[in-house]
């Protein structure tokens, strides 16, 4: 009986991971759209572009940390 419960939890966690990945994909797509709009804005200040760049670098590091475990 315990073995079946562990399997059920495992499948639930796996499903949750897949759902979160899908949500992250959607959020990254949204982010891509907004960042591109901001970067193409001629009124955007250099410090704003620098800030966006730094945030993207941080996000890249976080993604790498998740991949590498």
Protein backbone atom coordinates (compact mmCIF):
# COMPACT_ATOMS: atom_id res chain seq x y z
CA UNK A 1 0.00 0.00 0.00
CA UNK A 2 2.78 2.44 0.86
CA UNK A 3 4.46 1.75 -2.45
CA UNK A 4 1.32 2.78 -4.36
CA UNK A 5 1.08 6.04 -2.41
CA UNK A 6 4.69 6.88 -3.20
CA UNK A 7 4.05 6.28 -6.88
CA UNK A 8 0.96 8.48 -6.80
CA UNK A 9 2.88 11.30 -5.14
CA UNK A 10 5.72 10.88 -7.61
CA UNK A 11 3.35 11.17 -10.58
CA UNK A 12 1.68 14.20 -9.01
CA UNK A 13 5.01 15.92 -8.49
CA UNK A 14 6.03 15.10 -12.05
CA UNK A 15 2.79 16.56 -13.36
CA UNK A 16 3.31 19.65 -11.23
CA UNK A 17 6.81 20.10 -12.63
CA UNK A 18 5.54 19.83 -16.21
CA UNK A 19 2.75 22.32 -15.49
CA UNK A 20 5.23 24.77 -13.96
CA UNK A 21 7.53 24.44 -16.95
CA UNK A 22 4.62 25.26 -19.26
CA UNK A 23 3.73 28.29 -17.17
CA UNK A 24 7.36 29.44 -17.18
CA UNK A 25 7.47 29.06 -20.95
CA UNK A 26 4.42 31.30 -21.29
CA UNK A 27 5.94 33.85 -18.91
CA UNK A 28 9.23 33.87 -20.81
CA UNK A 29 7.34 34.43 -24.06
CA UNK A 30 5.48 37.34 -22.46
CA UNK A 31 8.74 38.71 -21.09
CA UNK A 32 10.31 38.47 -24.55
CA UNK A 33 7.53 40.57 -26.03
CA UNK A 34 7.73 43.27 -23.37
CA UNK A 35 11.52 43.44 -23.28
CA UNK A 36 11.72 43.75 -27.07
CA UNK A 37 9.19 46.58 -26.98
CA UNK A 38 11.17 48.33 -24.26
CA UNK A 39 14.50 47.93 -26.02
CA UNK A 40 13.10 49.27 -29.27
CA UNK A 41 11.70 52.32 -27.47
CA UNK A 42 13.89 55.29 -28.46
CA UNK A 43 12.89 57.14 -25.29
CA UNK A 44 14.30 54.45 -23.03
CA UNK A 45 17.24 55.66 -20.98
CA UNK A 46 20.60 53.90 -21.02
CA UNK A 47 20.29 53.05 -17.32
CA UNK A 48 16.94 51.37 -18.01
CA UNK A 49 18.51 49.23 -20.73
CA UNK A 50 21.38 48.38 -18.37
CA UNK A 51 18.89 47.39 -15.65
CA UNK A 52 16.97 45.15 -18.05
CA UNK A 53 20.24 43.55 -19.15
CA UNK A 54 21.25 42.85 -15.55
CA UNK A 55 17.89 41.29 -14.74
CA UNK A 56 18.15 39.01 -17.77
CA UNK A 57 21.66 37.97 -16.67
CA UNK A 58 20.27 37.09 -13.23
CA UNK A 59 17.49 35.07 -14.83
CA UNK A 60 20.02 33.19 -16.98
CA UNK A 61 22.01 32.30 -13.85
CA UNK A 62 18.91 31.02 -12.10
CA UNK A 63 17.98 28.87 -15.08
CA UNK A 64 21.49 27.43 -15.24
CA UNK A 65 21.35 26.65 -11.51
CA UNK A 66 18.10 24.73 -12.00
CA UNK A 67 19.48 22.79 -14.98
CA UNK A 68 22.75 21.92 -13.28
CA UNK A 69 20.96 21.00 -10.05
